Protein backbone atom coordinates (compact mmCIF):
# COMPACT_ATOMS: atom_id res chain seq x y z
CA MET A 1 109.01 9.34 43.63
CA LEU A 2 106.42 7.61 46.04
CA THR A 3 102.94 8.50 45.44
CA VAL A 4 100.38 6.71 47.54
CA ASP A 5 96.95 6.54 45.35
CA TRP A 6 94.12 5.26 47.11
CA TRP A 7 92.12 4.48 44.75
CA ARG A 8 94.24 2.06 43.08
CA GLY A 9 95.92 0.69 45.87
CA PHE A 10 98.31 1.47 48.37
CA PRO A 11 101.27 2.17 47.63
CA SER A 12 101.37 2.93 44.44
CA ALA A 13 102.67 0.87 41.18
CA GLY A 14 106.27 0.65 40.59
CA LEU A 15 106.79 -0.76 43.82
CA SER A 16 108.17 -4.70 44.80
CA ALA A 17 105.52 -7.17 46.45
CA THR A 18 108.40 -6.77 49.51
CA LEU A 19 108.26 -3.55 49.44
CA LYS A 20 104.97 -2.91 49.96
CA ALA A 21 104.76 -5.48 52.74
CA LEU A 22 107.85 -3.77 54.43
CA ILE A 23 106.01 -0.09 54.51
CA ILE A 24 103.11 -1.37 55.46
CA SER A 25 104.43 -3.85 58.24
CA SER A 26 106.85 -1.04 59.43
CA PHE A 27 103.24 1.68 59.81
CA VAL A 28 101.53 -1.18 61.39
CA MET A 29 104.52 -2.19 64.49
CA THR A 30 105.09 2.12 64.96
CA ILE A 31 101.08 2.39 65.52
CA VAL A 32 101.11 -0.49 68.30
CA ILE A 33 104.49 0.68 69.58
CA ILE A 34 102.62 4.29 70.06
CA ILE A 35 99.67 3.07 70.68
CA GLY A 36 101.08 0.78 73.96
CA ALA A 37 103.73 4.10 74.76
CA GLY A 38 100.08 5.69 75.89
CA ILE A 39 98.59 3.19 77.41
CA TYR A 40 102.07 2.27 79.37
CA SER A 41 102.70 6.48 80.33
CA SER A 42 98.96 6.76 81.36
CA LEU A 43 98.30 3.55 83.34
CA GLU A 44 102.03 3.67 85.32
CA ASP A 45 102.90 7.06 85.10
CA TRP A 46 105.45 6.96 83.13
CA SER A 47 106.69 9.48 80.84
CA PHE A 48 105.79 8.44 77.04
CA ASP A 49 109.79 8.25 76.38
CA GLU A 50 109.91 5.66 78.94
CA ALA A 51 107.14 3.83 77.47
CA VAL A 52 108.13 3.41 74.17
CA ASN A 53 111.44 2.46 75.14
CA PHE A 54 109.75 -0.19 77.52
CA CYS A 55 107.47 -1.06 73.86
CA ILE A 56 110.44 -1.50 71.62
CA VAL A 57 112.50 -3.69 74.19
CA SER A 58 109.52 -5.98 74.95
CA PHE A 59 108.82 -6.66 71.44
CA ALA A 60 112.58 -7.11 70.80
CA THR A 61 112.65 -9.55 73.08
CA ILE A 62 109.71 -11.82 72.64
CA GLY A 63 110.95 -15.50 72.69
CA LYS A 64 113.84 -15.06 74.91
CA LYS A 65 113.03 -18.18 76.98
CA GLY A 66 115.17 -20.62 75.65
CA GLY A 67 116.48 -18.55 72.95
CA ARG A 68 117.98 -15.38 71.70
CA SER A 69 116.64 -12.31 71.22
CA LEU A 70 116.06 -10.32 67.71
CA LEU A 71 118.68 -8.06 69.03
CA GLN A 72 121.18 -10.98 69.86
CA ILE A 73 120.41 -12.01 65.99
CA ALA A 74 120.91 -8.47 64.42
CA ASP A 75 124.22 -8.43 66.56
CA PRO A 76 127.71 -10.25 64.65
CA CYS A 77 129.32 -10.11 68.45
CA SER A 78 126.45 -11.59 70.15
CA ASN A 79 128.45 -14.85 69.12
CA MET A 80 131.60 -14.32 71.19
CA CYS A 81 129.54 -13.10 74.54
CA THR A 82 127.64 -16.29 74.91
CA HIS A 83 126.46 -17.72 78.20
């Protein structure tokens, strides 16, 4: 069972370094999306759902200029739909 023991480190023993990195990076990315969506929803007068969608799409397509986005890399059909 996964338990968080803040005195000995995050998360508890028994998890691999890769899994620990995945947990921490997922948590950080979720926080970044929530904070960004909060800022966009207040500045642009959008609903929070629209702002979350905007943040996710923006992060997923970073570096698209001249290359493939993360969504295209993850999509096995993207090779058939080349420009």
